[in-house]
Amino acid sequence: MDPLSDVLSLLKPRSYVSSGFNAGGEWSVQFAAQHQLIKCYAVVSGECWLAVEGIPEAVRLKQGDCFVLPSGRPFRLASDMAVTPVAASDFFAPARAGGVVTINGGGDFLLVGSRFAVSGSHASTLMGLLPPIGHIRKESDQSALRWSVERMMQELREQQPGSFLVLEHLAHMMLVQALRLHVEQASTMGGVGWLLGVADKQLGAAINAIHANPAHRWKLHELAERACMSRSAFAQRFKETVGTSPMEYLTRWRMLLAGDRLENSNDSISTIALSLGYESESAFSTAFKRVMGASPRRYGRGQRLVAAAG
């Protein structure tokens, strides 16, 4: 698989709620931290402001815009940032799949989309690889999402048999499409992040190589060759763009794969270690504890206890 598919597969997103939000007049809604939730929405009509915690400036959303919030940070939607916000729980509790919430009689602004629950104790690490905001505003890019949005609106309106399953599949399509388009836009955005590395043709070739064969005993010069760059130039650009060194990225990705197998398979630690390119279980265990914060044995046992308690 490609890197984006790899990350989403480990996150195992499942549609939690697909719904709509219809507002009128002056309004402002504050959403609390979205722990292990990814939100993906499209503006059907009207305009509003989006402010995400930790992002200096609010983003103006217009009709046709789509956005993804994969980081789980608190955020706010408002007709005017000067309006005193009201907690989202006043409008949206309890969560109701397929519903359209109306604020101030509606009519001025309509938003549709889904929020996804993600699983696994490493979900926060994986979500950290995704951007705080993925904002799709180009008309040509929006057209790729329009069919999904229009079909979702139809399902929300008509509530036919099987609507829940159709909405879930549509929501997954929206999520993947939005993140894919964000990858395409990332190269012009500046900043630091994993998606910027994926979007960079040269660095992306090296990242794809790592994901295609994480068990290979990659050396820096081999990855630099994939990127058609010198070792020093590659290492510097990778660090500046992705935020970590190439070899640190390789190790972290291996440990995330290992964590998933410890959590979801009966493979032994030695089997996992060998399959990820480690000659000894002890070398693998040392790397795993450094990255994941616990030994493989304790990590695997902890995940089984969590699953049994659930």
C-alpha atoms as a PDB file:
ATOM      1  CA  MET A   1       0.000   0.000   0.000  1.00  0.00           C
ATOM      2  CA  ASP A   2       0.963   3.665  -0.214  1.00  0.00           C
ATOM      3  CA  PRO A   3       1.924   5.654   2.944  1.00  0.00           C
ATOM      4  CA  LEU A   4      -1.455   7.376   3.380  1.00  0.00           C
ATOM      5  CA  SER A   5      -3.311   4.068   3.043  1.00  0.00           C
ATOM      6  CA  ASP A   6      -0.858   2.503   5.504  1.00  0.00           C
ATOM      7  CA  VAL A   7      -1.520   5.134   8.172  1.00  0.00           C
ATOM      8  CA  LEU A   8      -5.308   5.027   7.736  1.00  0.00           C
ATOM      9  CA  SER A   9      -5.253   1.213   7.851  1.00  0.00           C
ATOM     10  CA  LEU A  10      -3.466   1.270  11.200  1.00  0.00           C
ATOM     11  CA  LEU A  11      -5.902   3.891  12.505  1.00  0.00           C
ATOM     12  CA  LYS A  12      -8.811   1.638  11.454  1.00  0.00           C
ATOM     13  CA  PRO A  13     -11.283   4.546  11.169  1.00  0.00           C
ATOM     14  CA  ARG A  14     -14.931   3.615  11.562  1.00  0.00           C
ATOM     15  CA  SER A  15     -17.721   6.088  10.953  1.00  0.00           C
ATOM     16  CA  TYR A  16     -19.137   7.142  14.277  1.00  0.00           C
ATOM     17  CA  VAL A  17     -21.778   9.657  13.217  1.00  0.00           C
ATOM     18  CA  SER A  18     -22.759  11.104   9.836  1.00  0.00           C
ATOM     19  CA  SER A  19     -24.935  14.181  10.225  1.00  0.00           C
ATOM     20  CA  GLY A  20     -25.743  17.743   9.186  1.00  0.00           C
ATOM     21  CA  PHE A  21     -25.643  21.156  10.860  1.00  0.00           C
ATOM     22  CA  ASN A  22     -28.002  23.933   9.672  1.00  0.00           C
ATOM     23  CA  ALA A  23     -27.515  27.391  11.223  1.00  0.00           C
ATOM     24  CA  GLY A  24     -29.103  30.822  10.835  1.00  0.00           C
ATOM     25  CA  GLY A  25     -28.323  34.348  12.053  1.00  0.00           C
ATOM     26  CA  GLU A  26     -25.389  34.945  14.397  1.00  0.00           C
ATOM     27  CA  TRP A  27     -23.951  31.801  15.993  1.00  0.00           C
ATOM     28  CA  SER A  28     -20.759  30.343  17.439  1.00  0.00           C
ATOM     29  CA  VAL A  29     -20.217  26.743  18.548  1.00  0.00           C
ATOM     30  CA  GLN A  30     -17.221  25.480  20.550  1.00  0.00           C
ATOM     31  CA  PHE A  31     -16.301  21.798  20.189  1.00  0.00           C
ATOM     32  CA  ALA A  32     -14.270  20.149  22.946  1.00  0.00           C
ATOM     33  CA  ALA A  33     -11.167  17.994  22.334  1.00  0.00           C
ATOM     34  CA  GLN A  34     -12.080  15.211  19.947  1.00  0.00           C
ATOM     35  CA  HIS A  35     -10.161  12.357  21.572  1.00  0.00           C
ATOM     36  CA  GLN A  36      -9.331   9.718  18.947  1.00  0.00           C
ATOM     37  CA  LEU A  37     -11.818  11.279  16.523  1.00  0.00           C
ATOM     38  CA  ILE A  38     -11.216  12.506  12.972  1.00  0.00           C
ATOM     39  CA  LYS A  39     -13.764  14.947  11.538  1.00  0.00           C
ATOM     40  CA  CYS A  40     -14.431  15.360   7.826  1.00  0.00           C
ATOM     41  CA  TYR A  41     -17.009  17.906   6.619  1.00  0.00           C
ATOM     42  CA  ALA A  42     -18.199  19.811   3.544  1.00  0.00           C
ATOM     43  CA  VAL A  43     -19.883  23.230   3.410  1.00  0.00           C
ATOM     44  CA  VAL A  44     -23.054  22.797   1.341  1.00  0.00           C
ATOM     45  CA  SER A  45     -24.156  26.454   1.559  1.00  0.00           C
ATOM     46  CA  GLY A  46     -23.176  29.680   3.305  1.00  0.00           C
ATOM     47  CA  GLU A  47     -19.905  30.673   4.979  1.00  0.00           C
ATOM     48  CA  CYS A  48     -18.361  30.494   8.444  1.00  0.00           C
ATOM     49  CA  TRP A  49     -15.106  30.721  10.386  1.00  0.00           C
ATOM     50  CA  LEU A  50     -13.135  27.709  11.638  1.00  0.00           C
ATOM     51  CA  ALA A  51     -10.667  28.162  14.504  1.00  0.00           C
ATOM     52  CA  VAL A  52      -8.553  25.214  15.710  1.00  0.00           C
ATOM     53  CA  GLU A  53      -6.629  25.268  18.981  1.00  0.00           C
ATOM     54  CA  GLY A  54      -2.939  25.879  18.366  1.00  0.00           C
ATOM     55  CA  ILE A  55      -3.467  27.400  14.903  1.00  0.00           C
ATOM     56  CA  PRO A  56      -2.821  31.184  15.040  1.00  0.00           C
ATOM     57  CA  GLU A  57      -5.417  32.297  12.499  1.00  0.00           C
ATOM     58  CA  ALA A  58      -9.020  31.262  11.895  1.00  0.00           C
ATOM     59  CA  VAL A  59      -9.848  29.826   8.459  1.00  0.00           C
ATOM     60  CA  ARG A  60     -12.704  31.198   6.353  1.00  0.00           C
ATOM     61  CA  LEU A  61     -14.893  28.399   4.981  1.00  0.00           C
ATOM     62  CA  LYS A  62     -17.074  29.015   1.938  1.00  0.00           C
ATOM     63  CA  GLN A  63     -19.689  27.081   0.015  1.00  0.00           C
ATOM     64  CA  GLY A  64     -18.070  24.031  -1.573  1.00  0.00           C
ATOM     65  CA  ASP A  65     -15.107  23.927   0.825  1.00  0.00           C
ATOM     66  CA  CYS A  66     -14.254  20.636   2.487  1.00  0.00           C
ATOM     67  CA  PHE A  67     -12.112  20.224   5.571  1.00  0.00           C
ATOM     68  CA  VAL A  68     -10.615  17.445   7.666  1.00  0.00           C
ATOM     69  CA  LEU A  69      -9.641  17.790  11.330  1.00  0.00           C
ATOM     70  CA  PRO A  70      -7.484  14.742  12.059  1.00  0.00           C
ATOM     71  CA  SER A  71      -5.638  15.961  15.147  1.00  0.00           C
ATOM     72  CA  GLY A  72      -8.492  15.766  17.668  1.00  0.00           C
ATOM     73  CA  ARG A  73      -7.816  19.328  18.876  1.00  0.00           C
ATOM     74  CA  PRO A  74     -10.641  21.525  20.240  1.00  0.00           C
ATOM     75  CA  PHE A  75     -12.134  23.750  17.539  1.00  0.00           C
ATOM     76  CA  ARG A  76     -14.786  26.387  16.964  1.00  0.00           C
ATOM     77  CA  LEU A  77     -17.202  27.145  14.111  1.00  0.00           C
ATOM     78  CA  ALA A  78     -18.817  30.588  13.980  1.00  0.00           C
ATOM     79  CA  SER A  79     -20.620  33.028  11.750  1.00  0.00           C
ATOM     80  CA  ASP A  80     -18.556  35.753  13.428  1.00  0.00           C
ATOM     81  CA  MET A  81     -15.579  35.184  15.738  1.00  0.00           C
ATOM     82  CA  ALA A  82     -16.824  38.040  17.944  1.00  0.00           C
ATOM     83  CA  VAL A  83     -19.944  36.040  18.907  1.00  0.00           C
ATOM     84  CA  THR A  84     -19.704  34.355  22.328  1.00  0.00           C
ATOM     85  CA  PRO A  85     -19.405  30.596  21.723  1.00  0.00           C
ATOM     86  CA  VAL A  86     -21.879  28.028  23.029  1.00  0.00           C
ATOM     87  CA  ALA A  87     -20.722  24.491  23.888  1.00  0.00           C
ATOM     88  CA  ALA A  88     -21.438  21.987  21.127  1.00  0.00           C
ATOM     89  CA  SER A  89     -22.946  19.620  23.698  1.00  0.00           C
ATOM     90  CA  ASP A  90     -25.875  22.055  24.036  1.00  0.00           C
ATOM     91  CA  PHE A  91     -26.827  21.317  20.427  1.00  0.00           C
ATOM     92  CA  PHE A  92     -25.358  17.937  19.552  1.00  0.00           C
ATOM     93  CA  ALA A  93     -25.962  15.694  22.566  1.00  0.00           C
ATOM     94  CA  PRO A  94     -26.722  12.888  22.353  1.00  0.00           C
ATOM     95  CA  ALA A  95     -24.958  12.029  19.095  1.00  0.00           C
ATOM     96  CA  ARG A  96     -27.509  10.959  16.532  1.00  0.00           C
ATOM     97  CA  ALA A  97     -26.518   9.324  13.259  1.00  0.00           C
ATOM     98  CA  GLY A  98     -28.291  10.702  10.225  1.00  0.00           C
ATOM     99  CA  GLY A  99     -29.718  13.780  11.933  1.00  0.00           C
ATOM    100  CA  VAL A 100     -29.526  17.447  10.956  1.00  0.00           C
ATOM    101  CA  VAL A 101     -29.161  19.832  13.907  1.00  0.00           C
ATOM    102  CA  THR A 102     -30.787  23.260  13.457  1.00  0.00           C
ATOM    103  CA  ILE A 103     -29.454  26.403  15.162  1.00  0.00           C
ATOM    104  CA  ASN A 104     -31.404  29.698  15.203  1.00  0.00           C
ATOM    105  CA  GLY A 105     -33.923  28.343  12.724  1.00  0.00           C
ATOM    106  CA  GLY A 106     -31.246  27.509  10.129  1.00  0.00           C
ATOM    107  CA  GLY A 107     -31.250  28.697   6.537  1.00  0.00           C
ATOM    108  CA  ASP A 108     -27.923  30.564   6.286  1.00  0.00           C
ATOM    109  CA  PHE A 109     -25.300  27.854   6.661  1.00  0.00           C
ATOM    110  CA  LEU A 110     -25.365  24.096   6.015  1.00  0.00           C
ATOM    111  CA  LEU A 111     -22.570  21.656   6.823  1.00  0.00           C
ATOM    112  CA  VAL A 112     -22.580  17.875   6.313  1.00  0.00           C
ATOM    113  CA  GLY A 113     -20.045  15.195   7.098  1.00  0.00           C
ATOM    114  CA  SER A 114     -18.887  12.579   9.562  1.00  0.00           C
ATOM    115  CA  ARG A 115     -16.698  11.974  12.525  1.00  0.00           C
ATOM    116  CA  PHE A 116     -14.626   8.829  12.746  1.00  0.00           C
ATOM    117  CA  ALA A 117     -13.544   6.915  15.805  1.00  0.00           C
ATOM    118  CA  VAL A 118     -10.048   5.448  15.505  1.00  0.00           C
ATOM    119  CA  SER A 119      -8.748   2.500  17.491  1.00  0.00           C
ATOM    120  CA  GLY A 120      -5.464   1.376  18.971  1.00  0.00           C
ATOM    121  CA  SER A 121      -3.290   2.729  21.732  1.00  0.00           C
ATOM    122  CA  HIS A 122      -0.966   4.229  19.106  1.00  0.00           C
ATOM    123  CA  ALA A 123      -3.785   6.228  17.504  1.00  0.00           C
ATOM    124  CA  SER A 124      -2.552   9.511  18.993  1.00  0.00           C
ATOM    125  CA  THR A 125       0.904   8.940  17.471  1.00  0.00           C
ATOM    126  CA  LEU A 126      -0.577   8.172  14.070  1.00  0.00           C
ATOM    127  CA  MET A 127      -2.972  11.121  14.218  1.00  0.00           C
ATOM    128  CA  GLY A 128       0.044  13.297  14.935  1.00  0.00           C
ATOM    129  CA  LEU A 129       1.290  12.421  11.448  1.00  0.00           C
ATOM    130  CA  LEU A 130      -1.773  14.093   9.918  1.00  0.00           C
ATOM    131  CA  PRO A 131      -2.285  17.874   9.570  1.00  0.00           C
ATOM    132  CA  PRO A 132      -4.241  19.906  12.176  1.00  0.00           C
ATOM    133  CA  ILE A 133      -6.453  21.140   9.316  1.00  0.00           C
ATOM    134  CA  GLY A 134      -6.854  19.764   5.827  1.00  0.00           C
ATOM    135  CA  HIS A 135      -8.678  22.505   3.897  1.00  0.00           C
ATOM    136  CA  ILE A 136      -9.848  21.747   0.350  1.00  0.00           C
ATOM    137  CA  ARG A 137     -10.809  25.008  -1.350  1.00  0.00           C
ATOM    138  CA  LYS A 138      -9.853  24.646  -5.028  1.00  0.00           C
ATOM    139  CA  GLU A 139     -12.887  24.259  -7.297  1.00  0.00           C
ATOM    140  CA  SER A 140     -11.243  21.459  -9.284  1.00  0.00           C
ATOM    141  CA  ASP A 141     -10.500  19.539  -6.078  1.00  0.00           C
ATOM    142  CA  GLN A 142     -13.961  20.131  -4.629  1.00  0.00           C
ATOM    143  CA  SER A 143     -15.545  18.539  -7.685  1.00  0.00           C
ATOM    144  CA  ALA A 144     -13.872  15.252  -6.748  1.00  0.00           C
ATOM    145  CA  LEU A 145     -15.777  15.309  -3.449  1.00  0.00           C
ATOM    146  CA  ARG A 146     -19.063  16.742  -4.703  1.00  0.00           C
ATOM    147  CA  TRP A 147     -20.702  13.425  -5.594  1.00  0.00           C
ATOM    148  CA  SER A 148     -20.026  12.037  -2.107  1.00  0.00           C
ATOM    149  CA  VAL A 149     -21.404  15.179  -0.448  1.00  0.00           C
ATOM    150  CA  GLU A 150     -24.543  15.285  -2.597  1.00  0.00           C
ATOM    151  CA  ARG A 151     -25.199  11.595  -2.049  1.00  0.00           C
ATOM    152  CA  MET A 152     -24.715  12.027   1.686  1.00  0.00           C
ATOM    153  CA  MET A 153     -27.256  14.874   1.717  1.00  0.00           C
ATOM    154  CA  GLN A 154     -29.758  12.651  -0.099  1.00  0.00           C
ATOM    155  CA  GLU A 155     -29.280   9.838   2.415  1.00  0.00           C
ATOM    156  CA  LEU A 156     -29.688  12.263   5.342  1.00  0.00           C
ATOM    157  CA  ARG A 157     -32.911  13.660   3.849  1.00  0.00           C
ATOM    158  CA  GLU A 158     -34.561  10.428   2.787  1.00  0.00           C
ATOM    159  CA  GLN A 159     -33.490   7.983   5.538  1.00  0.00           C
ATOM    160  CA  GLN A 160     -34.043   4.917   3.364  1.00  0.00           C
ATOM    161  CA  PRO A 161     -33.386   1.339   4.506  1.00  0.00           C
ATOM    162  CA  GLY A 162     -29.654   0.772   4.686  1.00  0.00           C
ATOM    163  CA  SER A 163     -28.887   4.492   4.997  1.00  0.00           C
ATOM    164  CA  PHE A 164     -26.534   3.996   7.940  1.00  0.00           C
ATOM    165  CA  LEU A 165     -24.267   1.665   5.952  1.00  0.00           C
ATOM    166  CA  VAL A 166     -24.368   3.876   2.844  1.00  0.00           C
ATOM    167  CA  LEU A 167     -23.471   6.935   4.935  1.00  0.00           C
ATOM    168  CA  GLU A 168     -20.558   5.064   6.499  1.00  0.00           C
ATOM    169  CA  HIS A 169     -19.106   4.137   3.109  1.00  0.00           C
ATOM    170  CA  LEU A 170     -19.634   7.664   1.764  1.00  0.00           C
ATOM    171  CA  ALA A 171     -17.938   9.105   4.830  1.00  0.00           C
ATOM    172  CA  HIS A 172     -14.903   6.881   4.316  1.00  0.00           C
ATOM    173  CA  MET A 173     -14.714   8.013   0.694  1.00  0.00           C
ATOM    174  CA  MET A 174     -14.852  11.659   1.783  1.00  0.00           C
ATOM    175  CA  LEU A 175     -12.091  11.121   4.341  1.00  0.00           C
ATOM    176  CA  VAL A 176      -9.707   9.426   1.916  1.00  0.00           C
ATOM    177  CA  GLN A 177     -10.456  11.875  -0.907  1.00  0.00           C
ATOM    178  CA  ALA A 178      -9.984  14.912   1.334  1.00  0.00           C
ATOM    179  CA  LEU A 179      -6.664  13.663   2.726  1.00  0.00           C
ATOM    180  CA  ARG A 180      -5.493  12.680  -0.764  1.00  0.00           C
ATOM    181  CA  LEU A 181      -6.248  16.173  -2.061  1.00  0.00           C
ATOM    182  CA  HIS A 182      -4.544  17.672   0.974  1.00  0.00           C
ATOM    183  CA  VAL A 183      -1.407  15.685   0.095  1.00  0.00           C
ATOM    184  CA  GLU A 184      -1.509  17.214  -3.395  1.00  0.00           C
ATOM    185  CA  GLN A 185      -1.830  20.718  -1.937  1.00  0.00           C
ATOM    186  CA  ALA A 186       0.762  20.162   0.794  1.00  0.00           C
ATOM    187  CA  SER A 187       3.797  20.942  -1.356  1.00  0.00           C
ATOM    188  CA  THR A 188       2.704  24.587  -1.666  1.00  0.00           C
ATOM    189  CA  MET A 189       1.791  25.068   2.007  1.00  0.00           C
ATOM    190  CA  GLY A 190       5.186  25.271   3.684  1.00  0.00           C
ATOM    191  CA  GLY A 191       5.723  24.231   7.280  1.00  0.00           C
ATOM    192  CA  VAL A 192       6.797  20.856   8.652  1.00  0.00           C
ATOM    193  CA  GLY A 193       4.971  17.540   8.600  1.00  0.00           C
ATOM    194  CA  TRP A 194       4.821  13.982   7.351  1.00  0.00           C
ATOM    195  CA  LEU A 195       2.319  14.778   4.580  1.00  0.00           C
ATOM    196  CA  LEU A 196       4.678  17.448   3.247  1.00  0.00           C
ATOM    197  CA  GLY A 197       7.290  14.730   2.860  1.00  0.00           C
ATOM    198  CA  VAL A 198       4.824  12.458   1.059  1.00  0.00           C
ATOM    199  CA  ALA A 199       3.871  15.339  -1.260  1.00  0.00           C
ATOM    200  CA  ASP A 200       7.521  16.049  -2.131  1.00  0.00           C
ATOM    201  CA  LYS A 201       8.395  13.933  -5.202  1.00  0.00           C
ATOM    202  CA  GLN A 202      11.944  13.191  -4.069  1.00  0.00           C
ATOM    203  CA  LEU A 203      11.285  12.649  -0.363  1.00  0.00           C
ATOM    204  CA  GLY A 204       8.040  10.870  -1.211  1.00  0.00           C
ATOM    205  CA  ALA A 205      10.001   8.275  -3.197  1.00  0.00           C
ATOM    206  CA  ALA A 206      12.068   7.464  -0.101  1.00  0.00           C
ATOM    207  CA  ILE A 207       9.018   7.372   2.200  1.00  0.00           C
ATOM    208  CA  ASN A 208       7.223   5.082  -0.250  1.00  0.00           C
ATOM    209  CA  ALA A 209      10.246   2.785  -0.258  1.00  0.00           C
ATOM    210  CA  ILE A 210      10.195   2.577   3.544  1.00  0.00           C
ATOM    211  CA  HIS A 211       6.495   1.742   3.591  1.00  0.00           C
ATOM    212  CA  ALA A 212       6.800  -0.764   0.747  1.00  0.00           C
ATOM    213  CA  ASN A 213       9.531  -2.730   2.548  1.00  0.00           C
ATOM    214  CA  PRO A 214       9.908  -1.755   6.221  1.00  0.00           C
ATOM    215  CA  ALA A 215      11.864  -4.956   6.943  1.00  0.00           C
ATOM    216  CA  HIS A 216      14.692  -3.978   4.590  1.00  0.00           C
ATOM    217  CA  ARG A 217      17.802  -2.876   6.456  1.00  0.00           C
ATOM    218  CA  TRP A 218      17.742   0.561   4.922  1.00  0.00           C
ATOM    219  CA  LYS A 219      20.878   2.667   4.965  1.00  0.00           C
ATOM    220  CA  LEU A 220      20.843   6.426   4.590  1.00  0.00           C
ATOM    221  CA  HIS A 221      22.606   6.291   1.226  1.00  0.00           C
ATOM    222  CA  GLU A 222      19.996   3.841  -0.143  1.00  0.00           C
ATOM    223  CA  LEU A 223      17.111   6.144   0.780  1.00  0.00           C
ATOM    224  CA  ALA A 224      19.032   9.122  -0.625  1.00  0.00           C
ATOM    225  CA  GLU A 225      19.444   7.205  -3.898  1.00  0.00           C
ATOM    226  CA  ARG A 226      15.676   6.638  -4.035  1.00  0.00           C
ATOM    227  CA  ALA A 227      15.265  10.397  -3.692  1.00  0.00           C
ATOM    228  CA  CYS A 228      18.003  11.038  -6.299  1.00  0.00           C
ATOM    229  CA  MET A 229      19.885  13.211  -3.814  1.00  0.00           C
ATOM    230  CA  SER A 230      23.197  13.205  -1.995  1.00  0.00           C
ATOM    231  CA  ARG A 231      23.143  11.781   1.527  1.00  0.00           C
ATOM    232  CA  SER A 232      23.755  15.118   3.228  1.00  0.00           C
ATOM    233  CA  ALA A 233      21.205  17.036   1.143  1.00  0.00           C
ATOM    234  CA  PHE A 234      18.624  14.277   1.592  1.00  0.00           C
ATOM    235  CA  ALA A 235      19.098  14.055   5.371  1.00  0.00           C
ATOM    236  CA  GLN A 236      18.855  17.828   5.787  1.00  0.00           C
ATOM    237  CA  ARG A 237      15.782  18.224   3.566  1.00  0.00           C
ATOM    238  CA  PHE A 238      14.024  15.250   5.179  1.00  0.00           C
ATOM    239  CA  LYS A 239      14.578  16.675   8.663  1.00  0.00           C
ATOM    240  CA  GLU A 240      13.459  20.164   7.631  1.00  0.00           C
ATOM    241  CA  THR A 241      10.343  18.896   5.824  1.00  0.00           C
ATOM    242  CA  VAL A 242       9.168  15.913   7.884  1.00  0.00           C
ATOM    243  CA  GLY A 243      10.471  17.034  11.281  1.00  0.00           C
ATOM    244  CA  THR A 244      12.536  13.919  11.988  1.00  0.00           C
ATOM    245  CA  SER A 245      15.537  12.173  10.460  1.00  0.00           C
ATOM    246  CA  PRO A 246      15.017   9.454   7.826  1.00  0.00           C
ATOM    247  CA  MET A 247      16.291   6.704  10.129  1.00  0.00           C
ATOM    248  CA  GLU A 248      14.137   7.923  13.036  1.00  0.00           C
ATOM    249  CA  TYR A 249      11.131   7.878  10.698  1.00  0.00           C
ATOM    250  CA  LEU A 250      11.975   4.302   9.629  1.00  0.00           C
ATOM    251  CA  THR A 251      12.257   3.149  13.240  1.00  0.00           C
ATOM    252  CA  ARG A 252       9.015   4.831  14.290  1.00  0.00           C
ATOM    253  CA  TRP A 253       7.099   3.298  11.396  1.00  0.00           C
ATOM    254  CA  ARG A 254       8.449  -0.160  12.202  1.00  0.00           C
ATOM    255  CA  MET A 255       7.406   0.221  15.835  1.00  0.00           C
ATOM    256  CA  LEU A 256       3.893   1.326  14.880  1.00  0.00           C
ATOM    257  CA  LEU A 257       3.584  -1.771  12.693  1.00  0.00           C
ATOM    258  CA  ALA A 258       4.900  -3.883  15.558  1.00  0.00           C
ATOM    259  CA  GLY A 259       2.453  -2.330  18.004  1.00  0.00           C
ATOM    260  CA  ASP A 260      -0.436  -3.149  15.704  1.00  0.00           C
ATOM    261  CA  ARG A 261       0.655  -6.789  15.458  1.00  0.00           C
ATOM    262  CA  LEU A 262       1.176  -7.084  19.210  1.00  0.00           C
ATOM    263  CA  GLU A 263      -2.341  -5.761  19.652  1.00  0.00           C
ATOM    264  CA  ASN A 264      -4.116  -7.675  16.902  1.00  0.00           C
ATOM    265  CA  SER A 265      -2.236 -10.922  16.277  1.00  0.00           C
ATOM    266  CA  ASN A 266      -0.760 -13.879  18.159  1.00  0.00           C
ATOM    267  CA  ASP A 267       2.689 -13.473  16.592  1.00  0.00           C
ATOM    268  CA  SER A 268       5.594 -13.891  18.996  1.00  0.00           C
ATOM    269  CA  ILE A 269       7.921 -10.985  19.718  1.00  0.00           C
ATOM    270  CA  SER A 270      10.799 -12.778  17.984  1.00  0.00           C
ATOM    271  CA  THR A 271       8.681 -13.350  14.869  1.00  0.00           C
ATOM    272  CA  ILE A 272       7.685  -9.673  14.732  1.00  0.00           C
ATOM    273  CA  ALA A 273      11.282  -8.576  15.301  1.00  0.00           C
ATOM    274  CA  LEU A 274      12.635 -10.702  12.443  1.00  0.00           C
ATOM    275  CA  SER A 275       9.832  -9.636  10.098  1.00  0.00           C
ATOM    276  CA  LEU A 276      10.770  -5.978  10.641  1.00  0.00           C
ATOM    277  CA  GLY A 277      14.457  -6.396   9.939  1.00  0.00           C
ATOM    278  CA  TYR A 278      15.872  -6.893  13.459  1.00  0.00           C
ATOM    279  CA  GLU A 279      18.495  -9.605  13.915  1.00  0.00           C
ATOM    280  CA  SER A 280      17.731 -10.070  17.597  1.00  0.00           C
ATOM    281  CA  GLU A 281      14.715  -9.777  19.873  1.00  0.00           C
ATOM    282  CA  SER A 282      16.746  -7.674  22.330  1.00  0.00           C
ATOM    283  CA  ALA A 283      17.622  -5.031  19.702  1.00  0.00           C
ATOM    284  CA  PHE A 284      13.997  -4.872  18.643  1.00  0.00           C
ATOM    285  CA  SER A 285      12.773  -4.620  22.259  1.00  0.00           C
ATOM    286  CA  THR A 286      15.170  -1.756  22.984  1.00  0.00           C
ATOM    287  CA  ALA A 287      13.942   0.193  19.955  1.00  0.00           C
ATOM    288  CA  PHE A 288      10.310  -0.580  20.735  1.00  0.00           C
ATOM    289  CA  LYS A 289      10.553   0.644  24.326  1.00  0.00           C
ATOM    290  CA  ARG A 290      12.304   3.845  23.224  1.00  0.00           C
ATOM    291  CA  VAL A 291       9.588   4.686  20.682  1.00  0.00           C
ATOM    292  CA  MET A 292       6.441   3.239  22.281  1.00  0.00           C
ATOM    293  CA  GLY A 293       7.236   3.826  25.954  1.00  0.00           C
ATOM    294  CA  ALA A 294       6.880   0.196  27.084  1.00  0.00           C
ATOM    295  CA  SER A 295       8.504  -3.142  26.380  1.00  0.00           C
ATOM    296  CA  PRO A 296       6.839  -5.270  23.691  1.00  0.00           C
ATOM    297  CA  ARG A 297       5.785  -7.832  26.278  1.00  0.00           C
ATOM    298  CA  ARG A 298       4.199  -5.251  28.571  1.00  0.00           C
ATOM    299  CA  TYR A 299       2.637  -3.420  25.628  1.00  0.00           C
ATOM    300  CA  GLY A 300       1.045  -6.592  24.257  1.00  0.00           C
ATOM    301  CA  ARG A 301      -0.193  -7.680  27.667  1.00  0.00           C
ATOM    302  CA  GLY A 302      -1.633  -4.219  28.331  1.00  0.00           C
ATOM    303  CA  GLN A 303      -3.568  -4.188  25.062  1.00  0.00           C
ATOM    304  CA  ARG A 304      -5.037  -7.636  25.757  1.00  0.00           C
ATOM    305  CA  LEU A 305      -6.182  -6.477  29.191  1.00  0.00           C
ATOM    306  CA  VAL A 306      -7.812  -3.383  27.656  1.00  0.00           C
ATOM    307  CA  ALA A 307      -9.579  -5.541  25.066  1.00  0.00           C
ATOM    308  CA  ALA A 308     -10.786  -7.974  27.726  1.00  0.00           C
ATOM    309  CA  ALA A 309     -12.095  -5.121  29.891  1.00  0.00           C
ATOM    310  CA  GLY A 310     -13.957  -3.659  26.884  1.00  0.00           C
END
